[in-house]
Amino acid sequence: MKIEDLIGKLEEEFDEVEPGFIKPETKFTDIENWGSMHALIIIALIDMEYEVTLTGQDLKVMKTVQDLFRIINERA
C-alpha cells in the first residue's frame, strides 16, 4: 500500500476537505471540525479497507496521517 492511496480514501470520507489538503504530515486536529465522529469514520474505514483494527490507544498516539499509515503497515 502507498500512503497516497490512504490519503485518497481519507479525502473521500471527509466532505469538508479539499483534494490535496491532506498530506502525510497533516495532523488530524488540523482537519476542519475534527472530532470524535471523524475518529469513528477512520476506525471503520481502516477496518473495512485494510482489515486492521484500531484501538483507543492507537487514536491517542497517532497525530498525523503518517502515524496512521505506520500503524496500518505494522498490522497488515
PDB file of N, CA and C in Angstrom:
ATOM      1  N   MET A   1       0.836  -1.181   0.000  1.00  0.00           N
ATOM      2  CA  MET A   1       0.000   0.000   0.000  1.00  0.00           C
ATOM      3  C   MET A   1       0.882   1.246   0.000  1.00  0.00           C
ATOM      4  N   LYS A   2       0.402   2.251  -0.700  1.00  0.00           N
ATOM      5  CA  LYS A   2       1.085   3.540  -0.738  1.00  0.00           C
ATOM      6  C   LYS A   2       0.306   4.533   0.119  1.00  0.00           C
ATOM      7  N   ILE A   3       1.027   5.459   0.702  1.00  0.00           N
ATOM      8  CA  ILE A   3       0.373   6.451   1.548  1.00  0.00           C
ATOM      9  C   ILE A   3      -0.596   7.316   0.743  1.00  0.00           C
ATOM     10  N   GLU A   4      -0.316   7.485  -0.540  1.00  0.00           N
ATOM     11  CA  GLU A   4      -1.211   8.267  -1.398  1.00  0.00           C
ATOM     12  C   GLU A   4      -2.594   7.624  -1.491  1.00  0.00           C
ATOM     13  N   ASP A   5      -2.625   6.286  -1.480  1.00  0.00           N
ATOM     14  CA  ASP A   5      -3.907   5.570  -1.507  1.00  0.00           C
ATOM     15  C   ASP A   5      -4.698   5.852  -0.241  1.00  0.00           C
ATOM     16  N   LEU A   6      -4.032   5.801   0.894  1.00  0.00           N
ATOM     17  CA  LEU A   6      -4.679   6.101   2.168  1.00  0.00           C
ATOM     18  C   LEU A   6      -5.194   7.534   2.188  1.00  0.00           C
ATOM     19  N   ILE A   7      -4.391   8.457   1.715  1.00  0.00           N
ATOM     20  CA  ILE A   7      -4.801   9.864   1.679  1.00  0.00           C
ATOM     21  C   ILE A   7      -6.041  10.030   0.809  1.00  0.00           C
ATOM     22  N   GLY A   8      -6.075   9.385  -0.335  1.00  0.00           N
ATOM     23  CA  GLY A   8      -7.245   9.468  -1.212  1.00  0.00           C
ATOM     24  C   GLY A   8      -8.505   8.967  -0.524  1.00  0.00           C
ATOM     25  N   LYS A   9      -8.391   7.871   0.205  1.00  0.00           N
ATOM     26  CA  LYS A   9      -9.545   7.320   0.919  1.00  0.00           C
ATOM     27  C   LYS A   9      -9.999   8.275   2.036  1.00  0.00           C
ATOM     28  N   LEU A  10      -9.047   8.874   2.729  1.00  0.00           N
ATOM     29  CA  LEU A  10      -9.401   9.827   3.785  1.00  0.00           C
ATOM     30  C   LEU A  10     -10.103  11.046   3.201  1.00  0.00           C
ATOM     31  N   GLU A  11      -9.595  11.551   2.084  1.00  0.00           N
ATOM     32  CA  GLU A  11     -10.216  12.724   1.458  1.00  0.00           C
ATOM     33  C   GLU A  11     -11.629  12.417   0.984  1.00  0.00           C
ATOM     34  N   GLU A  12     -11.870  11.202   0.546  1.00  0.00           N
ATOM     35  CA  GLU A  12     -13.225  10.812   0.140  1.00  0.00           C
ATOM     36  C   GLU A  12     -14.185  10.803   1.323  1.00  0.00           C
ATOM     37  N   GLU A  13     -13.690  10.423   2.497  1.00  0.00           N
ATOM     38  CA  GLU A  13     -14.534  10.308   3.687  1.00  0.00           C
ATOM     39  C   GLU A  13     -14.860  11.659   4.322  1.00  0.00           C
ATOM     40  N   PHE A  14     -13.960  12.607   4.209  1.00  0.00           N
ATOM     41  CA  PHE A  14     -14.144  13.903   4.858  1.00  0.00           C
ATOM     42  C   PHE A  14     -14.612  14.924   3.828  1.00  0.00           C
ATOM     43  N   ASP A  15     -15.903  15.187   3.819  1.00  0.00           N
ATOM     44  CA  ASP A  15     -16.507  16.077   2.827  1.00  0.00           C
ATOM     45  C   ASP A  15     -15.928  17.486   2.847  1.00  0.00           C
ATOM     46  N   GLU A  16     -15.562  17.960   4.032  1.00  0.00           N
ATOM     47  CA  GLU A  16     -15.105  19.342   4.151  1.00  0.00           C
ATOM     48  C   GLU A  16     -13.640  19.546   3.756  1.00  0.00           C
ATOM     49  N   VAL A  17     -12.967  18.468   3.362  1.00  0.00           N
ATOM     50  CA  VAL A  17     -11.551  18.547   2.997  1.00  0.00           C
ATOM     51  C   VAL A  17     -11.419  18.664   1.487  1.00  0.00           C
ATOM     52  N   GLU A  18     -10.692  19.677   1.060  1.00  0.00           N
ATOM     53  CA  GLU A  18     -10.413  19.872  -0.363  1.00  0.00           C
ATOM     54  C   GLU A  18      -9.371  18.849  -0.825  1.00  0.00           C
ATOM     55  N   PRO A  19      -9.507  18.328  -2.037  1.00  0.00           N
ATOM     56  CA  PRO A  19      -8.485  17.419  -2.564  1.00  0.00           C
ATOM     57  C   PRO A  19      -7.108  18.081  -2.514  1.00  0.00           C
ATOM     58  N   GLY A  20      -6.129  17.339  -2.029  1.00  0.00           N
ATOM     59  CA  GLY A  20      -4.767  17.860  -1.918  1.00  0.00           C
ATOM     60  C   GLY A  20      -4.457  18.461  -0.561  1.00  0.00           C
ATOM     61  N   PHE A  21      -5.471  18.645   0.288  1.00  0.00           N
ATOM     62  CA  PHE A  21      -5.238  19.230   1.616  1.00  0.00           C
ATOM     63  C   PHE A  21      -4.475  18.267   2.519  1.00  0.00           C
ATOM     64  N   ILE A  22      -4.858  16.991   2.467  1.00  0.00           N
ATOM     65  CA  ILE A  22      -4.238  16.012   3.354  1.00  0.00           C
ATOM     66  C   ILE A  22      -2.909  15.552   2.771  1.00  0.00           C
ATOM     67  N   LYS A  23      -1.896  15.616   3.614  1.00  0.00           N
ATOM     68  CA  LYS A  23      -0.539  15.191   3.269  1.00  0.00           C
ATOM     69  C   LYS A  23      -0.073  14.226   4.365  1.00  0.00           C
ATOM     70  N   PRO A  24       1.017  13.512   4.169  1.00  0.00           N
ATOM     71  CA  PRO A  24       1.495  12.608   5.229  1.00  0.00           C
ATOM     72  C   PRO A  24       1.706  13.309   6.570  1.00  0.00           C
ATOM     73  N   GLU A  25       2.152  14.545   6.537  1.00  0.00           N
ATOM     74  CA  GLU A  25       2.444  15.271   7.778  1.00  0.00           C
ATOM     75  C   GLU A  25       1.230  16.006   8.354  1.00  0.00           C
ATOM     76  N   THR A  26       0.081  15.909   7.706  1.00  0.00           N
ATOM     77  CA  THR A  26      -1.125  16.579   8.190  1.00  0.00           C
ATOM     78  C   THR A  26      -1.542  15.991   9.535  1.00  0.00           C
ATOM     79  N   LYS A  27      -1.746  16.871  10.496  1.00  0.00           N
ATOM     80  CA  LYS A  27      -2.247  16.453  11.804  1.00  0.00           C
ATOM     81  C   LYS A  27      -3.765  16.340  11.707  1.00  0.00           C
ATOM     82  N   PHE A  28      -4.301  15.298  12.312  1.00  0.00           N
ATOM     83  CA  PHE A  28      -5.749  15.108  12.269  1.00  0.00           C
ATOM     84  C   PHE A  28      -6.476  16.300  12.884  1.00  0.00           C
ATOM     85  N   THR A  29      -5.901  16.898  13.911  1.00  0.00           N
ATOM     86  CA  THR A  29      -6.544  18.042  14.560  1.00  0.00           C
ATOM     87  C   THR A  29      -6.560  19.278  13.665  1.00  0.00           C
ATOM     88  N   ASP A  30      -5.797  19.262  12.563  1.00  0.00           N
ATOM     89  CA  ASP A  30      -5.813  20.378  11.610  1.00  0.00           C
ATOM     90  C   ASP A  30      -6.962  20.266  10.614  1.00  0.00           C
ATOM     91  N   ILE A  31      -7.629  19.125  10.602  1.00  0.00           N
ATOM     92  CA  ILE A  31      -8.770  18.940   9.710  1.00  0.00           C
ATOM     93  C   ILE A  31      -9.952  19.689  10.311  1.00  0.00           C
ATOM     94  N   GLU A  32     -10.584  20.507   9.489  1.00  0.00           N
ATOM     95  CA  GLU A  32     -11.689  21.341   9.950  1.00  0.00           C
ATOM     96  C   GLU A  32     -12.766  20.502  10.628  1.00  0.00           C
ATOM     97  N   ASN A  33     -13.223  20.980  11.771  1.00  0.00           N
ATOM     98  CA  ASN A  33     -14.273  20.325  12.564  1.00  0.00           C
ATOM     99  C   ASN A  33     -13.898  18.926  13.031  1.00  0.00           C
ATOM    100  N   TRP A  34     -12.609  18.662  13.221  1.00  0.00           N
ATOM    101  CA  TRP A  34     -12.160  17.352  13.673  1.00  0.00           C
ATOM    102  C   TRP A  34     -12.823  17.024  15.012  1.00  0.00           C
ATOM    103  N   GLY A  35     -13.300  15.798  15.141  1.00  0.00           N
ATOM    104  CA  GLY A  35     -13.921  15.374  16.388  1.00  0.00           C
ATOM    105  C   GLY A  35     -14.071  13.877  16.450  1.00  0.00           C
ATOM    106  N   SER A  36     -14.824  13.446  17.435  1.00  0.00           N
ATOM    107  CA  SER A  36     -14.974  12.006  17.663  1.00  0.00           C
ATOM    108  C   SER A  36     -15.646  11.305  16.485  1.00  0.00           C
ATOM    109  N   MET A  37     -16.522  12.001  15.781  1.00  0.00           N
ATOM    110  CA  MET A  37     -17.176  11.392  14.626  1.00  0.00           C
ATOM    111  C   MET A  37     -16.144  11.057  13.541  1.00  0.00           C
ATOM    112  N   HIS A  38     -15.192  11.942  13.331  1.00  0.00           N
ATOM    113  CA  HIS A  38     -14.132  11.670  12.358  1.00  0.00           C
ATOM    114  C   HIS A  38     -13.298  10.464  12.790  1.00  0.00           C
ATOM    115  N   ALA A  39     -13.018  10.371  14.082  1.00  0.00           N
ATOM    116  CA  ALA A  39     -12.243   9.239  14.589  1.00  0.00           C
ATOM    117  C   ALA A  39     -12.984   7.926  14.311  1.00  0.00           C
ATOM    118  N   LEU A  40     -14.290   7.923  14.510  1.00  0.00           N
ATOM    119  CA  LEU A  40     -15.084   6.721  14.227  1.00  0.00           C
ATOM    120  C   LEU A  40     -15.071   6.383  12.737  1.00  0.00           C
ATOM    121  N   ILE A  41     -15.110   7.410  11.913  1.00  0.00           N
ATOM    122  CA  ILE A  41     -15.035   7.192  10.462  1.00  0.00           C
ATOM    123  C   ILE A  41     -13.705   6.531  10.098  1.00  0.00           C
ATOM    124  N   ILE A  42     -12.619   7.010  10.689  1.00  0.00           N
ATOM    125  CA  ILE A  42     -11.300   6.431  10.414  1.00  0.00           C
ATOM    126  C   ILE A  42     -11.245   4.982  10.878  1.00  0.00           C
ATOM    127  N   ILE A  43     -11.766   4.704  12.072  1.00  0.00           N
ATOM    128  CA  ILE A  43     -11.763   3.334  12.587  1.00  0.00           C
ATOM    129  C   ILE A  43     -12.494   2.406  11.612  1.00  0.00           C
ATOM    130  N   ALA A  44     -13.672   2.812  11.169  1.00  0.00           N
ATOM    131  CA  ALA A  44     -14.463   1.989  10.253  1.00  0.00           C
ATOM    132  C   ALA A  44     -13.766   1.835   8.900  1.00  0.00           C
ATOM    133  N   LEU A  45     -13.229   2.927   8.383  1.00  0.00           N
ATOM    134  CA  LEU A  45     -12.544   2.899   7.090  1.00  0.00           C
ATOM    135  C   LEU A  45     -11.362   1.940   7.116  1.00  0.00           C
ATOM    136  N   ILE A  46     -10.533   2.043   8.124  1.00  0.00           N
ATOM    137  CA  ILE A  46      -9.333   1.214   8.209  1.00  0.00           C
ATOM    138  C   ILE A  46      -9.709  -0.253   8.390  1.00  0.00           C
ATOM    139  N   ASP A  47     -10.750  -0.503   9.167  1.00  0.00           N
ATOM    140  CA  ASP A  47     -11.216  -1.877   9.354  1.00  0.00           C
ATOM    141  C   ASP A  47     -11.728  -2.474   8.047  1.00  0.00           C
ATOM    142  N   MET A  48     -12.546  -1.726   7.316  1.00  0.00           N
ATOM    143  CA  MET A  48     -13.122  -2.229   6.069  1.00  0.00           C
ATOM    144  C   MET A  48     -12.096  -2.346   4.951  1.00  0.00           C
ATOM    145  N   GLU A  49     -11.281  -1.336   4.783  1.00  0.00           N
ATOM    146  CA  GLU A  49     -10.345  -1.301   3.650  1.00  0.00           C
ATOM    147  C   GLU A  49      -9.089  -2.137   3.860  1.00  0.00           C
ATOM    148  N   TYR A  50      -8.586  -2.154   5.105  1.00  0.00           N
ATOM    149  CA  TYR A  50      -7.287  -2.777   5.357  1.00  0.00           C
ATOM    150  C   TYR A  50      -7.354  -3.942   6.344  1.00  0.00           C
ATOM    151  N   GLU A  51      -8.560  -4.203   6.881  1.00  0.00           N
ATOM    152  CA  GLU A  51      -8.751  -5.263   7.866  1.00  0.00           C
ATOM    153  C   GLU A  51      -7.799  -5.119   9.046  1.00  0.00           C
ATOM    154  N   VAL A  52      -7.642  -3.888   9.491  1.00  0.00           N
ATOM    155  CA  VAL A  52      -6.819  -3.552  10.647  1.00  0.00           C
ATOM    156  C   VAL A  52      -7.726  -2.884  11.669  1.00  0.00           C
ATOM    157  N   THR A  53      -7.665  -3.365  12.897  1.00  0.00           N
ATOM    158  CA  THR A  53      -8.477  -2.802  13.966  1.00  0.00           C
ATOM    159  C   THR A  53      -7.657  -1.777  14.737  1.00  0.00           C
ATOM    160  N   LEU A  54      -8.176  -0.564  14.789  1.00  0.00           N
ATOM    161  CA  LEU A  54      -7.533   0.494  15.568  1.00  0.00           C
ATOM    162  C   LEU A  54      -8.102   0.496  16.977  1.00  0.00           C
ATOM    163  N   THR A  55      -7.246   0.720  17.950  1.00  0.00           N
ATOM    164  CA  THR A  55      -7.668   0.764  19.345  1.00  0.00           C
ATOM    165  C   THR A  55      -7.738   2.218  19.814  1.00  0.00           C
ATOM    166  N   GLY A  56      -8.309   2.389  20.989  1.00  0.00           N
ATOM    167  CA  GLY A  56      -8.321   3.719  21.595  1.00  0.00           C
ATOM    168  C   GLY A  56      -6.914   4.244  21.804  1.00  0.00           C
ATOM    169  N   GLN A  57      -6.014   3.361  22.174  1.00  0.00           N
ATOM    170  CA  GLN A  57      -4.613   3.762  22.365  1.00  0.00           C
ATOM    171  C   GLN A  57      -4.000   4.226  21.046  1.00  0.00           C
ATOM    172  N   ASP A  58      -4.335   3.552  19.954  1.00  0.00           N
ATOM    173  CA  ASP A  58      -3.844   3.971  18.639  1.00  0.00           C
ATOM    174  C   ASP A  58      -4.278   5.401  18.349  1.00  0.00           C
ATOM    175  N   LEU A  59      -5.545   5.696  18.627  1.00  0.00           N
ATOM    176  CA  LEU A  59      -6.067   7.035  18.367  1.00  0.00           C
ATOM    177  C   LEU A  59      -5.369   8.083  19.215  1.00  0.00           C
ATOM    178  N   LYS A  60      -4.951   7.708  20.412  1.00  0.00           N
ATOM    179  CA  LYS A  60      -4.245   8.651  21.286  1.00  0.00           C
ATOM    180  C   LYS A  60      -2.849   8.971  20.773  1.00  0.00           C
ATOM    181  N   VAL A  61      -2.168   7.945  20.229  1.00  0.00           N
ATOM    182  CA  VAL A  61      -0.779   8.157  19.813  1.00  0.00           C
ATOM    183  C   VAL A  61      -0.633   8.660  18.385  1.00  0.00           C
ATOM    184  N   MET A  62      -1.617   8.379  17.529  1.00  0.00           N
ATOM    185  CA  MET A  62      -1.469   8.836  16.143  1.00  0.00           C
ATOM    186  C   MET A  62      -1.876  10.302  16.043  1.00  0.00           C
ATOM    187  N   LYS A  63      -0.955  11.084  15.579  1.00  0.00           N
ATOM    188  CA  LYS A  63      -1.189  12.519  15.434  1.00  0.00           C
ATOM    189  C   LYS A  63      -1.318  12.926  13.970  1.00  0.00           C
ATOM    190  N   THR A  64      -0.610  12.206  13.105  1.00  0.00           N
ATOM    191  CA  THR A  64      -0.568  12.569  11.687  1.00  0.00           C
ATOM    192  C   THR A  64      -1.025  11.396  10.815  1.00  0.00           C
ATOM    193  N   VAL A  65      -1.233  11.692   9.557  1.00  0.00           N
ATOM    194  CA  VAL A  65      -1.582  10.651   8.587  1.00  0.00           C
ATOM    195  C   VAL A  65      -0.439   9.644   8.486  1.00  0.00           C
ATOM    196  N   GLN A  66       0.790  10.113   8.575  1.00  0.00           N
ATOM    197  CA  GLN A  66       1.953   9.214   8.543  1.00  0.00           C
ATOM    198  C   GLN A  66       1.907   8.239   9.708  1.00  0.00           C
ATOM    199  N   ASP A  67       1.493   8.690  10.885  1.00  0.00           N
ATOM    200  CA  ASP A  67       1.363   7.800  12.043  1.00  0.00           C
ATOM    201  C   ASP A  67       0.332   6.707  11.764  1.00  0.00           C
ATOM    202  N   LEU A  68      -0.796   7.081  11.188  1.00  0.00           N
ATOM    203  CA  LEU A  68      -1.840   6.117  10.849  1.00  0.00           C
ATOM    204  C   LEU A  68      -1.318   5.111   9.829  1.00  0.00           C
ATOM    205  N   PHE A  69      -0.631   5.585   8.820  1.00  0.00           N
ATOM    206  CA  PHE A  69      -0.052   4.731   7.785  1.00  0.00           C
ATOM    207  C   PHE A  69       0.908   3.716   8.404  1.00  0.00           C
ATOM    208  N   ARG A  70       1.724   4.159   9.332  1.00  0.00           N
ATOM    209  CA  ARG A  70       2.680   3.274  10.005  1.00  0.00           C
ATOM    210  C   ARG A  70       1.946   2.170  10.776  1.00  0.00           C
ATOM    211  N   ILE A  71       0.896   2.540  11.511  1.00  0.00           N
ATOM    212  CA  ILE A  71       0.129   1.561  12.272  1.00  0.00           C
ATOM    213  C   ILE A  71      -0.486   0.511  11.338  1.00  0.00           C
ATOM    214  N   ILE A  72      -1.060   0.963  10.246  1.00  0.00           N
ATOM    215  CA  ILE A  72      -1.662   0.023   9.291  1.00  0.00           C
ATOM    216  C   ILE A  72      -0.623  -0.935   8.762  1.00  0.00           C
ATOM    217  N   ASN A  73       0.527  -0.420   8.357  1.00  0.00           N
ATOM    218  CA  ASN A  73       1.586  -1.273   7.806  1.00  0.00           C
ATOM    219  C   ASN A  73       2.150  -2.264   8.824  1.00  0.00           C
ATOM    220  N   GLU A  74       2.195  -1.866  10.083  1.00  0.00           N
ATOM    221  CA  GLU A  74       2.690  -2.761  11.110  1.00  0.00           C
ATOM    222  C   GLU A  74       1.749  -3.944  11.339  1.00  0.00           C
ATOM    223  N   ARG A  75       0.460  -3.741  11.093  1.00  0.00           N
ATOM    224  CA  ARG A  75      -0.532  -4.782  11.404  1.00  0.00           C
ATOM    225  C   ARG A  75      -1.090  -5.501  10.186  1.00  0.00           C
ATOM    226  N   ALA A  76      -0.815  -5.002   9.020  1.00  0.00           N
ATOM    227  CA  ALA A  76      -1.386  -5.616   7.805  1.00  0.00           C
ATOM    228  C   ALA A  76      -0.620  -6.865   7.410  1.00  0.00           C
TER     229      ALA A  76
END
